[in-house]
Amino acid sequence: MEHIITPGRIKYIRGGKVEGCIFCKDSIREDDLVLHEGETSYIVMNKYPYTTGHVMIVPYRHICELKEMTPDERLEMMNLLEMTIGALKRELNPEGFNVGMNLGRAAGAGVECHLHLHVVPRWVGDTNFATVLGDVRIIPEDIKATRKILLASFGKCT
């Protein structure tokens, strides 16, 4: 049997529930994971990615339901989605993408009351034995290293 050591996950496993919202800038958002800041929304690396390059597009406002979004927020999220896919294609060369929202705990939302859009780059064969049999994801690159690669496509210096 092989062992896969993922020391970065232990903080998540052992950590208690942190007070505040991980997406709100005035709360506990981790600014060092942000790739781009727009007018109404921003793009951020997912701290616990499904694959390398997994990012999220998040409105600044703490809103729980789609009906609460303004037309400007909806439009910018779609524009940021287009920007994100372009950057991921240039820098990581994925063969496809999963894009979506988990609305509510039953749908898998880890953060229930702050809408966010997941953008997950995919490659043929990226789901392997560990995910299928062991309920484990293997991410071959640290998210900070991936962020450094992606920043060039979002117009920031590293």
Protein backbone atom coordinates (compact mmCIF):
# COMPACT_ATOMS: atom_id res chain seq x y z
CA MET A 1 0.00 0.00 0.00
CA GLU A 2 1.27 3.47 -0.87
CA HIS A 3 1.04 6.39 1.51
CA ILE A 4 0.33 9.89 0.31
CA ILE A 5 1.58 12.59 2.66
CA THR A 6 -0.36 15.88 2.44
CA PRO A 7 0.71 17.99 5.43
CA GLY A 8 -1.20 21.06 4.25
CA ARG A 9 -4.53 19.30 4.91
CA ILE A 10 -3.97 18.76 8.65
CA LYS A 11 -4.74 22.40 9.46
CA TYR A 12 -8.09 21.98 7.67
CA ILE A 13 -8.84 18.66 9.39
CA ARG A 14 -7.92 19.74 12.92
CA GLY A 15 -8.92 23.37 12.66
CA GLY A 16 -11.95 24.61 14.48
CA LYS A 17 -14.67 26.70 12.90
CA VAL A 18 -13.19 30.14 12.31
CA GLU A 19 -15.40 33.13 13.01
CA GLY A 20 -16.13 35.33 10.05
CA CYS A 21 -16.47 34.79 6.31
CA ILE A 22 -13.50 33.51 4.31
CA PHE A 23 -14.66 35.57 1.30
CA CYS A 24 -15.36 38.96 2.92
CA LYS A 25 -12.45 41.38 2.65
CA ASP A 26 -13.23 42.94 6.03
CA SER A 27 -13.38 39.53 7.69
CA ILE A 28 -10.90 36.63 7.31
CA ARG A 29 -10.21 36.61 3.55
CA GLU A 30 -6.66 35.52 2.70
CA ASP A 31 -5.48 38.32 0.42
CA ASP A 32 -2.34 36.40 -0.56
CA LEU A 33 -4.55 33.99 -2.58
CA VAL A 34 -6.30 36.72 -4.60
CA LEU A 35 -5.47 36.83 -8.32
CA HIS A 36 -7.56 39.78 -9.51
CA GLU A 37 -9.87 42.41 -8.00
CA GLY A 38 -12.73 43.73 -10.13
CA GLU A 39 -15.39 46.34 -9.41
CA THR A 40 -17.96 44.01 -7.78
CA SER A 41 -16.17 40.66 -7.60
CA TYR A 42 -12.71 39.12 -7.38
CA ILE A 43 -10.84 35.96 -8.41
CA VAL A 44 -9.13 33.86 -5.74
CA MET A 45 -7.25 30.56 -5.58
CA ASN A 46 -9.18 27.77 -3.86
CA LYS A 47 -7.22 26.92 -0.70
CA TYR A 48 -8.34 23.28 -0.93
CA PRO A 49 -8.39 22.68 -4.70
CA TYR A 50 -9.93 19.78 -6.61
CA THR A 51 -7.20 20.15 -9.26
CA THR A 52 -4.22 22.42 -9.88
CA GLY A 53 -5.51 25.85 -10.85
CA HIS A 54 -8.91 25.56 -9.13
CA VAL A 55 -10.06 29.16 -8.61
CA MET A 56 -13.24 30.88 -7.48
CA ILE A 57 -15.00 34.06 -8.57
CA VAL A 58 -16.56 35.78 -5.59
CA PRO A 59 -18.76 38.89 -5.26
CA TYR A 60 -17.53 41.34 -2.63
CA ARG A 61 -21.00 41.61 -1.11
CA HIS A 62 -21.97 38.91 1.35
CA ILE A 63 -24.98 37.53 -0.51
CA CYS A 64 -26.58 34.11 -0.13
CA GLU A 65 -28.91 33.76 -3.12
CA LEU A 66 -28.72 34.46 -6.85
CA LYS A 67 -31.77 36.71 -6.65
CA GLU A 68 -29.79 39.06 -4.38
CA MET A 69 -27.20 39.78 -7.10
CA THR A 70 -27.30 43.05 -9.00
CA PRO A 71 -27.11 43.02 -12.80
CA ASP A 72 -23.60 44.51 -12.51
CA GLU A 73 -22.48 41.66 -10.23
CA ARG A 74 -23.89 39.04 -12.60
CA LEU A 75 -22.24 40.64 -15.62
CA GLU A 76 -18.87 41.04 -13.96
CA MET A 77 -18.85 37.46 -12.68
CA MET A 78 -19.36 36.23 -16.27
CA ASN A 79 -16.66 38.61 -17.56
CA LEU A 80 -14.28 37.38 -14.85
CA LEU A 81 -15.16 33.80 -15.80
CA GLU A 82 -14.07 34.52 -19.37
CA MET A 83 -10.86 36.14 -18.07
CA THR A 84 -10.18 33.20 -15.77
CA ILE A 85 -10.65 30.55 -18.44
CA GLY A 86 -8.35 32.49 -20.79
CA ALA A 87 -5.64 32.74 -18.12
CA LEU A 88 -5.91 29.08 -17.17
CA LYS A 89 -5.72 28.03 -20.83
CA ARG A 90 -2.60 30.16 -21.42
CA GLU A 91 -0.75 29.14 -18.28
CA LEU A 92 -1.85 25.57 -17.48
CA ASN A 93 -3.17 24.25 -20.81
CA PRO A 94 -6.16 22.30 -19.46
CA GLU A 95 -8.29 20.17 -21.78
CA GLY A 96 -11.60 21.27 -20.25
CA PHE A 97 -13.28 22.98 -17.30
CA ASN A 98 -15.93 22.39 -14.67
CA VAL A 99 -17.72 25.66 -13.81
CA GLY A 100 -20.44 25.94 -11.21
CA MET A 101 -21.92 26.96 -7.89
CA ASN A 102 -22.89 24.81 -4.95
CA LEU A 103 -26.02 26.47 -3.56
CA GLY A 104 -26.80 25.20 -0.05
CA ARG A 105 -25.20 22.58 2.19
CA ALA A 106 -27.11 19.73 0.50
CA ALA A 107 -25.47 20.74 -2.79
CA GLY A 108 -22.00 20.65 -1.24
CA ALA A 109 -21.54 24.32 -0.33
CA GLY A 110 -18.73 24.63 2.21
CA VAL A 111 -19.50 28.34 2.57
CA GLU A 112 -23.28 28.43 2.54
CA CYS A 113 -24.06 32.11 2.61
CA HIS A 114 -21.54 33.83 0.35
CA LEU A 115 -22.10 32.98 -3.30
CA HIS A 116 -19.05 31.96 -5.28
CA LEU A 117 -18.40 30.40 -8.67
CA HIS A 118 -15.91 27.51 -8.96
CA VAL A 119 -13.68 27.22 -12.04
CA VAL A 120 -11.90 23.86 -12.11
CA PRO A 121 -9.43 23.12 -14.91
CA ARG A 122 -9.53 19.50 -16.08
CA TRP A 123 -7.22 17.16 -17.97
CA VAL A 124 -8.06 13.77 -19.44
CA GLY A 125 -7.15 11.22 -16.76
CA ASP A 126 -6.86 13.69 -13.87
CA THR A 127 -9.28 11.62 -11.77
CA ASN A 128 -7.22 8.67 -10.65
CA PHE A 129 -7.35 5.78 -8.21
CA ALA A 130 -6.89 8.01 -5.16
CA THR A 131 -10.03 10.03 -5.84
CA VAL A 132 -12.09 7.04 -6.92
CA LEU A 133 -11.02 4.53 -4.25
CA GLY A 134 -9.54 6.56 -1.43
CA ASP A 135 -11.60 9.75 -1.43
CA VAL A 136 -8.29 11.64 -1.70
CA ARG A 137 -7.22 14.36 -4.12
CA ILE A 138 -3.60 14.62 -5.17
CA ILE A 139 -2.60 18.13 -6.20
CA PRO A 140 0.84 18.08 -7.83
CA GLU A 141 1.66 21.74 -7.18
CA ASP A 142 1.38 24.05 -4.19
CA ILE A 143 -1.36 26.67 -4.70
CA LYS A 144 1.07 29.53 -4.07
CA ALA A 145 3.26 28.24 -6.92
CA THR A 146 0.22 27.98 -9.19
CA ARG A 147 -0.87 31.49 -8.17
CA LYS A 148 2.56 32.84 -9.11
CA ILE A 149 2.21 31.28 -12.58
CA LEU A 150 -1.33 32.63 -13.06
CA LEU A 151 -0.64 36.18 -11.84
CA ALA A 152 1.08 37.07 -15.12
CA SER A 153 -2.16 36.42 -17.00
CA PHE A 154 -4.14 38.60 -14.60
CA GLY A 155 -1.79 41.56 -15.15
CA LYS A 156 0.01 41.48 -11.82
CA CYS A 157 3.71 41.26 -11.14
CA THR A 158 4.94 38.36 -9.03
